[in-house]
Amino acid sequence: MLFSKARKGGSIFSSKAIQEGTFLLSKAQIGQTFTVKSVEGKEKTKKFLFTLGCFEGEKITLISKLAGNYVINIKDSRYAIDEKMAKTIVLDA
């Protein structure tokens, strides 16, 4: 589980997410465009994001953050995702 280590005092980030030059979508600045490095988390989440066009190498723009919801732009379409899902998307800096 993504948050199981955080409850025990460890890091919630996988080894892929903490590589230098990468960060999570939840830490991105509004209005900037980034390249998706990878999608972490459960297979169900990965498949859902893939259907939206969110996969490695794709450009993604964070449009807004409001009350734990993230509005993103992928391939000229806008989607709203929750913070848990935003924490599964690893971006290149």
PDB file of N, CA and C in Angstrom:
ATOM      1  N   MET A   1       0.840  -1.175   0.000  1.00  0.00           N
ATOM      2  CA  MET A   1       0.000   0.000   0.000  1.00  0.00           C
ATOM      3  C   MET A   1       0.883   1.235   0.000  1.00  0.00           C
ATOM      4  N   LEU A   2       0.498   2.252  -0.719  1.00  0.00           N
ATOM      5  CA  LEU A   2       1.302   3.453  -0.896  1.00  0.00           C
ATOM      6  C   LEU A   2       1.592   4.170   0.410  1.00  0.00           C
ATOM      7  N   PHE A   3       0.645   4.224   1.337  1.00  0.00           N
ATOM      8  CA  PHE A   3       0.820   5.001   2.560  1.00  0.00           C
ATOM      9  C   PHE A   3       1.228   4.156   3.765  1.00  0.00           C
ATOM     10  N   SER A   4       1.399   2.862   3.614  1.00  0.00           N
ATOM     11  CA  SER A   4       1.695   2.010   4.757  1.00  0.00           C
ATOM     12  C   SER A   4       3.019   2.382   5.416  1.00  0.00           C
ATOM     13  N   LYS A   5       4.031   2.736   4.668  1.00  0.00           N
ATOM     14  CA  LYS A   5       5.318   3.107   5.240  1.00  0.00           C
ATOM     15  C   LYS A   5       5.237   4.441   5.969  1.00  0.00           C
ATOM     16  N   ALA A   6       4.416   5.358   5.477  1.00  0.00           N
ATOM     17  CA  ALA A   6       4.305   6.675   6.098  1.00  0.00           C
ATOM     18  C   ALA A   6       3.738   6.563   7.512  1.00  0.00           C
ATOM     19  N   ARG A   7       2.830   5.659   7.716  1.00  0.00           N
ATOM     20  CA  ARG A   7       2.239   5.484   9.044  1.00  0.00           C
ATOM     21  C   ARG A   7       3.273   4.950  10.036  1.00  0.00           C
ATOM     22  N   LYS A   8       4.272   4.243   9.545  1.00  0.00           N
ATOM     23  CA  LYS A   8       5.294   3.668  10.410  1.00  0.00           C
ATOM     24  C   LYS A   8       6.510   4.577  10.535  1.00  0.00           C
ATOM     25  N   GLY A   9       6.415   5.793   9.989  1.00  0.00           N
ATOM     26  CA  GLY A   9       7.517   6.732  10.118  1.00  0.00           C
ATOM     27  C   GLY A   9       8.498   6.704   8.961  1.00  0.00           C
ATOM     28  N   GLY A  10       8.247   5.863   7.967  1.00  0.00           N
ATOM     29  CA  GLY A  10       9.135   5.784   6.810  1.00  0.00           C
ATOM     30  C   GLY A  10       8.684   6.710   5.702  1.00  0.00           C
ATOM     31  N   SER A  11       9.312   6.598   4.565  1.00  0.00           N
ATOM     32  CA  SER A  11       8.983   7.434   3.413  1.00  0.00           C
ATOM     33  C   SER A  11       7.852   6.798   2.624  1.00  0.00           C
ATOM     34  N   ILE A  12       6.988   7.639   2.027  1.00  0.00           N
ATOM     35  CA  ILE A  12       5.905   7.115   1.194  1.00  0.00           C
ATOM     36  C   ILE A  12       6.325   7.000  -0.262  1.00  0.00           C
ATOM     37  N   PHE A  13       7.533   7.446  -0.574  1.00  0.00           N
ATOM     38  CA  PHE A  13       7.975   7.462  -1.954  1.00  0.00           C
ATOM     39  C   PHE A  13       8.696   6.172  -2.302  1.00  0.00           C
ATOM     40  N   SER A  14       8.426   5.651  -3.497  1.00  0.00           N
ATOM     41  CA  SER A  14       9.128   4.464  -3.958  1.00  0.00           C
ATOM     42  C   SER A  14      10.503   4.872  -4.453  1.00  0.00           C
ATOM     43  N   SER A  15      11.346   3.914  -4.748  1.00  0.00           N
ATOM     44  CA  SER A  15      12.697   4.222  -5.210  1.00  0.00           C
ATOM     45  C   SER A  15      12.680   4.982  -6.527  1.00  0.00           C
ATOM     46  N   LYS A  16      11.687   4.748  -7.371  1.00  0.00           N
ATOM     47  CA  LYS A  16      11.589   5.477  -8.632  1.00  0.00           C
ATOM     48  C   LYS A  16      11.275   6.953  -8.402  1.00  0.00           C
ATOM     49  N   ALA A  17      10.397   7.232  -7.437  1.00  0.00           N
ATOM     50  CA  ALA A  17       9.930   8.599  -7.211  1.00  0.00           C
ATOM     51  C   ALA A  17      10.986   9.492  -6.584  1.00  0.00           C
ATOM     52  N   ILE A  18      11.979   8.915  -5.901  1.00  0.00           N
ATOM     53  CA  ILE A  18      12.948   9.757  -5.223  1.00  0.00           C
ATOM     54  C   ILE A  18      14.228   9.952  -6.028  1.00  0.00           C
ATOM     55  N   GLN A  19      14.266   9.491  -7.249  1.00  0.00           N
ATOM     56  CA  GLN A  19      15.424   9.726  -8.096  1.00  0.00           C
ATOM     57  C   GLN A  19      15.581  11.223  -8.313  1.00  0.00           C
ATOM     58  N   GLU A  20      16.809  11.662  -8.377  1.00  0.00           N
ATOM     59  CA  GLU A  20      17.052  13.084  -8.583  1.00  0.00           C
ATOM     60  C   GLU A  20      16.451  13.524  -9.918  1.00  0.00           C
ATOM     61  N   GLY A  21      15.815  14.687  -9.897  1.00  0.00           N
ATOM     62  CA  GLY A  21      15.222  15.224 -11.118  1.00  0.00           C
ATOM     63  C   GLY A  21      13.789  14.786 -11.343  1.00  0.00           C
ATOM     64  N   THR A  22      13.206  14.064 -10.370  1.00  0.00           N
ATOM     65  CA  THR A  22      11.809  13.663 -10.488  1.00  0.00           C
ATOM     66  C   THR A  22      11.040  14.115  -9.255  1.00  0.00           C
ATOM     67  N   PHE A  23       9.751  14.259  -9.408  1.00  0.00           N
ATOM     68  CA  PHE A  23       8.880  14.613  -8.294  1.00  0.00           C
ATOM     69  C   PHE A  23       7.462  14.186  -8.629  1.00  0.00           C
ATOM     70  N   LEU A  24       6.587  14.239  -7.645  1.00  0.00           N
ATOM     71  CA  LEU A  24       5.211  13.815  -7.827  1.00  0.00           C
ATOM     72  C   LEU A  24       4.347  14.958  -8.339  1.00  0.00           C
ATOM     73  N   LEU A  25       3.296  14.628  -9.053  1.00  0.00           N
ATOM     74  CA  LEU A  25       2.366  15.631  -9.554  1.00  0.00           C
ATOM     75  C   LEU A  25       1.798  16.472  -8.412  1.00  0.00           C
ATOM     76  N   SER A  26       1.618  15.874  -7.259  1.00  0.00           N
ATOM     77  CA  SER A  26       1.064  16.603  -6.113  1.00  0.00           C
ATOM     78  C   SER A  26       1.973  17.740  -5.649  1.00  0.00           C
ATOM     79  N   LYS A  27       3.230  17.739  -6.073  1.00  0.00           N
ATOM     80  CA  LYS A  27       4.184  18.797  -5.710  1.00  0.00           C
ATOM     81  C   LYS A  27       4.447  19.771  -6.863  1.00  0.00           C
ATOM     82  N   ALA A  28       3.750  19.612  -7.968  1.00  0.00           N
ATOM     83  CA  ALA A  28       3.979  20.444  -9.159  1.00  0.00           C
ATOM     84  C   ALA A  28       3.383  21.840  -8.991  1.00  0.00           C
ATOM     85  N   GLN A  29       3.916  22.780  -9.770  1.00  0.00           N
ATOM     86  CA  GLN A  29       3.421  24.149  -9.781  1.00  0.00           C
ATOM     87  C   GLN A  29       2.279  24.275 -10.790  1.00  0.00           C
ATOM     88  N   ILE A  30       1.263  25.032 -10.420  1.00  0.00           N
ATOM     89  CA  ILE A  30       0.106  25.249 -11.296  1.00  0.00           C
ATOM     90  C   ILE A  30       0.537  26.008 -12.547  1.00  0.00           C
ATOM     91  N   GLY A  31       0.041  25.561 -13.697  1.00  0.00           N
ATOM     92  CA  GLY A  31       0.293  26.228 -14.965  1.00  0.00           C
ATOM     93  C   GLY A  31       1.512  25.737 -15.717  1.00  0.00           C
ATOM     94  N   GLN A  32       2.293  24.868 -15.117  1.00  0.00           N
ATOM     95  CA  GLN A  32       3.485  24.368 -15.800  1.00  0.00           C
ATOM     96  C   GLN A  32       3.223  23.002 -16.424  1.00  0.00           C
ATOM     97  N   THR A  33       3.929  22.744 -17.519  1.00  0.00           N
ATOM     98  CA  THR A  33       3.801  21.477 -18.237  1.00  0.00           C
ATOM     99  C   THR A  33       5.018  20.617 -17.948  1.00  0.00           C
ATOM    100  N   PHE A  34       4.789  19.339 -17.709  1.00  0.00           N
ATOM    101  CA  PHE A  34       5.848  18.392 -17.379  1.00  0.00           C
ATOM    102  C   PHE A  34       5.681  17.136 -18.215  1.00  0.00           C
ATOM    103  N   THR A  35       6.692  16.297 -18.198  1.00  0.00           N
ATOM    104  CA  THR A  35       6.652  15.000 -18.864  1.00  0.00           C
ATOM    105  C   THR A  35       6.480  13.919 -17.809  1.00  0.00           C
ATOM    106  N   VAL A  36       5.564  12.988 -18.043  1.00  0.00           N
ATOM    107  CA  VAL A  36       5.339  11.882 -17.110  1.00  0.00           C
ATOM    108  C   VAL A  36       6.513  10.918 -17.210  1.00  0.00           C
ATOM    109  N   LYS A  37       7.149  10.649 -16.086  1.00  0.00           N
ATOM    110  CA  LYS A  37       8.250   9.692 -16.043  1.00  0.00           C
ATOM    111  C   LYS A  37       7.715   8.285 -15.811  1.00  0.00           C
ATOM    112  N   SER A  38       6.773   8.161 -14.870  1.00  0.00           N
ATOM    113  CA  SER A  38       6.157   6.858 -14.598  1.00  0.00           C
ATOM    114  C   SER A  38       4.871   7.062 -13.804  1.00  0.00           C
ATOM    115  N   VAL A  39       4.104   5.987 -13.710  1.00  0.00           N
ATOM    116  CA  VAL A  39       2.896   5.984 -12.888  1.00  0.00           C
ATOM    117  C   VAL A  39       3.057   4.846 -11.894  1.00  0.00           C
ATOM    118  N   GLU A  40       3.005   5.189 -10.611  1.00  0.00           N
ATOM    119  CA  GLU A  40       3.176   4.218  -9.522  1.00  0.00           C
ATOM    120  C   GLU A  40       1.805   3.763  -9.037  1.00  0.00           C
ATOM    121  N   GLY A  41       1.791   2.935  -8.009  1.00  0.00           N
ATOM    122  CA  GLY A  41       0.535   2.566  -7.372  1.00  0.00           C
ATOM    123  C   GLY A  41      -0.058   1.266  -7.860  1.00  0.00           C
ATOM    124  N   LYS A  42      -1.323   1.082  -7.521  1.00  0.00           N
ATOM    125  CA  LYS A  42      -2.031  -0.154  -7.853  1.00  0.00           C
ATOM    126  C   LYS A  42      -2.282  -0.255  -9.348  1.00  0.00           C
ATOM    127  N   GLU A  43      -2.403  -1.479  -9.806  1.00  0.00           N
ATOM    128  CA  GLU A  43      -2.634  -1.743 -11.232  1.00  0.00           C
ATOM    129  C   GLU A  43      -3.925  -1.091 -11.724  1.00  0.00           C
ATOM    130  N   LYS A  44      -4.953  -1.085 -10.894  1.00  0.00           N
ATOM    131  CA  LYS A  44      -6.231  -0.471 -11.264  1.00  0.00           C
ATOM    132  C   LYS A  44      -6.057   1.027 -11.531  1.00  0.00           C
ATOM    133  N   THR A  45      -5.274   1.695 -10.681  1.00  0.00           N
ATOM    134  CA  THR A  45      -5.005   3.129 -10.850  1.00  0.00           C
ATOM    135  C   THR A  45      -4.200   3.377 -12.116  1.00  0.00           C
ATOM    136  N   LYS A  46      -3.190   2.552 -12.350  1.00  0.00           N
ATOM    137  CA  LYS A  46      -2.356   2.690 -13.549  1.00  0.00           C
ATOM    138  C   LYS A  46      -3.197   2.544 -14.820  1.00  0.00           C
ATOM    139  N   LYS A  47      -4.082   1.556 -14.831  1.00  0.00           N
ATOM    140  CA  LYS A  47      -4.939   1.333 -16.002  1.00  0.00           C
ATOM    141  C   LYS A  47      -5.880   2.506 -16.230  1.00  0.00           C
ATOM    142  N   PHE A  48      -6.451   3.034 -15.144  1.00  0.00           N
ATOM    143  CA  PHE A  48      -7.357   4.168 -15.270  1.00  0.00           C
ATOM    144  C   PHE A  48      -6.628   5.375 -15.855  1.00  0.00           C
ATOM    145  N   LEU A  49      -5.468   5.696 -15.310  1.00  0.00           N
ATOM    146  CA  LEU A  49      -4.700   6.834 -15.809  1.00  0.00           C
ATOM    147  C   LEU A  49      -4.267   6.619 -17.259  1.00  0.00           C
ATOM    148  N   PHE A  50      -3.957   5.378 -17.611  1.00  0.00           N
ATOM    149  CA  PHE A  50      -3.595   5.065 -19.000  1.00  0.00           C
ATOM    150  C   PHE A  50      -4.754   5.377 -19.943  1.00  0.00           C
ATOM    151  N   THR A  51      -5.984   5.082 -19.509  1.00  0.00           N
ATOM    152  CA  THR A  51      -7.147   5.371 -20.361  1.00  0.00           C
ATOM    153  C   THR A  51      -7.335   6.872 -20.566  1.00  0.00           C
ATOM    154  N   LEU A  52      -6.814   7.684 -19.635  1.00  0.00           N
ATOM    155  CA  LEU A  52      -6.872   9.142 -19.781  1.00  0.00           C
ATOM    156  C   LEU A  52      -5.743   9.673 -20.658  1.00  0.00           C
ATOM    157  N   GLY A  53      -4.778   8.807 -20.958  1.00  0.00           N
ATOM    158  CA  GLY A  53      -3.629   9.233 -21.752  1.00  0.00           C
ATOM    159  C   GLY A  53      -2.423   9.577 -20.910  1.00  0.00           C
ATOM    160  N   CYS A  54      -2.475   9.243 -19.633  1.00  0.00           N
ATOM    161  CA  CYS A  54      -1.374   9.538 -18.713  1.00  0.00           C
ATOM    162  C   CYS A  54      -0.455   8.323 -18.629  1.00  0.00           C
ATOM    163  N   PHE A  55       0.643   8.376 -19.385  1.00  0.00           N
ATOM    164  CA  PHE A  55       1.626   7.301 -19.377  1.00  0.00           C
ATOM    165  C   PHE A  55       3.002   7.886 -19.653  1.00  0.00           C
ATOM    166  N   GLU A  56       4.026   7.084 -19.502  1.00  0.00           N
ATOM    167  CA  GLU A  56       5.410   7.534 -19.622  1.00  0.00           C
ATOM    168  C   GLU A  56       5.651   8.264 -20.943  1.00  0.00           C
ATOM    169  N   GLY A  57       6.274   9.452 -20.831  1.00  0.00           N
ATOM    170  CA  GLY A  57       6.612  10.237 -22.004  1.00  0.00           C
ATOM    171  C   GLY A  57       5.566  11.258 -22.416  1.00  0.00           C
ATOM    172  N   GLU A  58       4.378  11.169 -21.850  1.00  0.00           N
ATOM    173  CA  GLU A  58       3.284  12.081 -22.213  1.00  0.00           C
ATOM    174  C   GLU A  58       3.418  13.404 -21.460  1.00  0.00           C
ATOM    175  N   LYS A  59       3.018  14.493 -22.099  1.00  0.00           N
ATOM    176  CA  LYS A  59       3.017  15.819 -21.468  1.00  0.00           C
ATOM    177  C   LYS A  59       1.762  15.977 -20.623  1.00  0.00           C
ATOM    178  N   ILE A  60       1.924  16.592 -19.448  1.00  0.00           N
ATOM    179  CA  ILE A  60       0.804  16.821 -18.543  1.00  0.00           C
ATOM    180  C   ILE A  60       0.949  18.218 -17.946  1.00  0.00           C
ATOM    181  N   THR A  61      -0.161  18.945 -17.857  1.00  0.00           N
ATOM    182  CA  THR A  61      -0.169  20.291 -17.289  1.00  0.00           C
ATOM    183  C   THR A  61      -1.106  20.310 -16.098  1.00  0.00           C
ATOM    184  N   LEU A  62      -0.621  20.867 -14.988  1.00  0.00           N
ATOM    185  CA  LEU A  62      -1.467  21.044 -13.814  1.00  0.00           C
ATOM    186  C   LEU A  62      -2.197  22.367 -13.961  1.00  0.00           C
ATOM    187  N   ILE A  63      -3.519  22.314 -14.102  1.00  0.00           N
ATOM    188  CA  ILE A  63      -4.340  23.506 -14.309  1.00  0.00           C
ATOM    189  C   ILE A  63      -4.689  24.162 -12.977  1.00  0.00           C
ATOM    190  N   SER A  64      -5.128  23.362 -11.998  1.00  0.00           N
ATOM    191  CA  SER A  64      -5.463  23.934 -10.691  1.00  0.00           C
ATOM    192  C   SER A  64      -5.484  22.856  -9.614  1.00  0.00           C
ATOM    193  N   LYS A  65      -5.378  23.322  -8.347  1.00  0.00           N
ATOM    194  CA  LYS A  65      -5.520  22.480  -7.163  1.00  0.00           C
ATOM    195  C   LYS A  65      -6.575  23.151  -6.304  1.00  0.00           C
ATOM    196  N   LEU A  66      -7.585  22.381  -5.906  1.00  0.00           N
ATOM    197  CA  LEU A  66      -8.624  22.946  -5.066  1.00  0.00           C
ATOM    198  C   LEU A  66      -9.224  21.855  -4.192  1.00  0.00           C
ATOM    199  N   ALA A  67      -9.148  22.035  -2.904  1.00  0.00           N
ATOM    200  CA  ALA A  67      -9.743  21.106  -1.930  1.00  0.00           C
ATOM    201  C   ALA A  67      -9.318  19.655  -2.159  1.00  0.00           C
ATOM    202  N   GLY A  68      -8.032  19.438  -2.437  1.00  0.00           N
ATOM    203  CA  GLY A  68      -7.529  18.086  -2.626  1.00  0.00           C
ATOM    204  C   GLY A  68      -7.796  17.495  -3.992  1.00  0.00           C
ATOM    205  N   ASN A  69      -8.356  18.273  -4.894  1.00  0.00           N
ATOM    206  CA  ASN A  69      -8.600  17.821  -6.265  1.00  0.00           C
ATOM    207  C   ASN A  69      -7.652  18.536  -7.213  1.00  0.00           C
ATOM    208  N   TYR A  70      -7.174  17.823  -8.202  1.00  0.00           N
ATOM    209  CA  TYR A  70      -6.219  18.347  -9.165  1.00  0.00           C
ATOM    210  C   TYR A  70      -6.848  18.304 -10.548  1.00  0.00           C
ATOM    211  N   VAL A  71      -6.883  19.437 -11.216  1.00  0.00           N
ATOM    212  CA  VAL A  71      -7.361  19.484 -12.592  1.00  0.00           C
ATOM    213  C   VAL A  71      -6.128  19.460 -13.477  1.00  0.00           C
ATOM    214  N   ILE A  72      -6.072  18.462 -14.345  1.00  0.00           N
ATOM    215  CA  ILE A  72      -4.910  18.283 -15.214  1.00  0.00           C
ATOM    216  C   ILE A  72      -5.331  18.325 -16.676  1.00  0.00           C
ATOM    217  N   ASN A  73      -4.387  18.662 -17.526  1.00  0.00           N
ATOM    218  CA  ASN A  73      -4.611  18.696 -18.963  1.00  0.00           C
ATOM    219  C   ASN A  73      -3.684  17.670 -19.598  1.00  0.00           C
ATOM    220  N   ILE A  74      -4.282  16.711 -20.299  1.00  0.00           N
ATOM    221  CA  ILE A  74      -3.523  15.697 -21.034  1.00  0.00           C
ATOM    222  C   ILE A  74      -4.119  15.625 -22.426  1.00  0.00           C
ATOM    223  N   LYS A  75      -3.297  15.821 -23.440  1.00  0.00           N
ATOM    224  CA  LYS A  75      -3.746  15.724 -24.844  1.00  0.00           C
ATOM    225  C   LYS A  75      -4.995  16.569 -25.113  1.00  0.00           C
ATOM    226  N   ASP A  76      -4.965  17.824 -24.743  1.00  0.00           N
ATOM    227  CA  ASP A  76      -6.059  18.763 -24.987  1.00  0.00           C
ATOM    228  C   ASP A  76      -7.367  18.393 -24.301  1.00  0.00           C
ATOM    229  N   SER A  77      -7.308  17.581 -23.267  1.00  0.00           N
ATOM    230  CA  SER A  77      -8.494  17.244 -22.471  1.00  0.00           C
ATOM    231  C   SER A  77      -8.186  17.518 -21.005  1.00  0.00           C
ATOM    232  N   ARG A  78      -9.212  17.941 -20.276  1.00  0.00           N
ATOM    233  CA  ARG A  78      -9.051  18.233 -18.852  1.00  0.00           C
ATOM    234  C   ARG A  78      -9.740  17.160 -18.025  1.00  0.00           C
ATOM    235  N   TYR A  79      -9.060  16.769 -16.947  1.00  0.00           N
ATOM    236  CA  TYR A  79      -9.583  15.755 -16.039  1.00  0.00           C
ATOM    237  C   TYR A  79      -9.362  16.212 -14.608  1.00  0.00           C
ATOM    238  N   ALA A  80     -10.252  15.805 -13.714  1.00  0.00           N
ATOM    239  CA  ALA A  80     -10.080  16.051 -12.285  1.00  0.00           C
ATOM    240  C   ALA A  80      -9.723  14.730 -11.613  1.00  0.00           C
ATOM    241  N   ILE A  81      -8.645  14.749 -10.839  1.00  0.00           N
ATOM    242  CA  ILE A  81      -8.227  13.564 -10.091  1.00  0.00           C
ATOM    243  C   ILE A  81      -8.029  13.971  -8.636  1.00  0.00           C
ATOM    244  N   ASP A  82      -8.095  12.997  -7.741  1.00  0.00           N
ATOM    245  CA  ASP A  82      -7.899  13.316  -6.329  1.00  0.00           C
ATOM    246  C   ASP A  82      -6.412  13.300  -5.970  1.00  0.00           C
ATOM    247  N   GLU A  83      -6.122  13.726  -4.761  1.00  0.00           N
ATOM    248  CA  GLU A  83      -4.730  13.850  -4.331  1.00  0.00           C
ATOM    249  C   GLU A  83      -4.025  12.498  -4.287  1.00  0.00           C
ATOM    250  N   LYS A  84      -4.714  11.467  -3.880  1.00  0.00           N
ATOM    251  CA  LYS A  84      -4.114  10.124  -3.818  1.00  0.00           C
ATOM    252  C   LYS A  84      -3.630   9.699  -5.206  1.00  0.00           C
ATOM    253  N   MET A  85      -4.443   9.963  -6.221  1.00  0.00           N
ATOM    254  CA  MET A  85      -4.066   9.612  -7.578  1.00  0.00           C
ATOM    255  C   MET A  85      -2.926  10.513  -8.075  1.00  0.00           C
ATOM    256  N   ALA A  86      -2.959  11.791  -7.701  1.00  0.00           N
ATOM    257  CA  ALA A  86      -1.896  12.720  -8.104  1.00  0.00           C
ATOM    258  C   ALA A  86      -0.541  12.286  -7.540  1.00  0.00           C
ATOM    259  N   LYS A  87      -0.554  11.634  -6.394  1.00  0.00           N
ATOM    260  CA  LYS A  87       0.695  11.176  -5.770  1.00  0.00           C
ATOM    261  C   LYS A  87       1.259   9.928  -6.449  1.00  0.00           C
ATOM    262  N   THR A  88       0.530   9.339  -7.376  1.00  0.00           N
ATOM    263  CA  THR A  88       1.044   8.175  -8.092  1.00  0.00           C
ATOM    264  C   THR A  88       1.737   8.553  -9.404  1.00  0.00           C
ATOM    265  N   ILE A  89       1.618   9.822  -9.816  1.00  0.00           N
ATOM    266  CA  ILE A  89       2.182  10.263 -11.092  1.00  0.00           C
ATOM    267  C   ILE A  89       3.538  10.918 -10.833  1.00  0.00           C
ATOM    268  N   VAL A  90       4.609  10.295 -11.363  1.00  0.00           N
ATOM    269  CA  VAL A  90       5.972  10.785 -11.194  1.00  0.00           C
ATOM    270  C   VAL A  90       6.339  11.576 -12.457  1.00  0.00           C
ATOM    271  N   LEU A  91       6.860  12.790 -12.246  1.00  0.00           N
ATOM    272  CA  LEU A  91       7.190  13.682 -13.344  1.00  0.00           C
ATOM    273  C   LEU A  91       8.698  13.916 -13.440  1.00  0.00           C
ATOM    274  N   ASP A  92       9.159  14.217 -14.660  1.00  0.00           N
ATOM    275  CA  ASP A  92      10.539  14.668 -14.861  1.00  0.00           C
ATOM    276  C   ASP A  92      10.597  16.153 -14.556  1.00  0.00           C
ATOM    277  N   ALA A  93      11.671  16.575 -13.913  1.00  0.00           N
ATOM    278  CA  ALA A  93      11.831  17.997 -13.585  1.00  0.00           C
ATOM    279  C   ALA A  93      12.227  18.788 -14.809  1.00  0.00           C
TER     280      ALA A  93
END
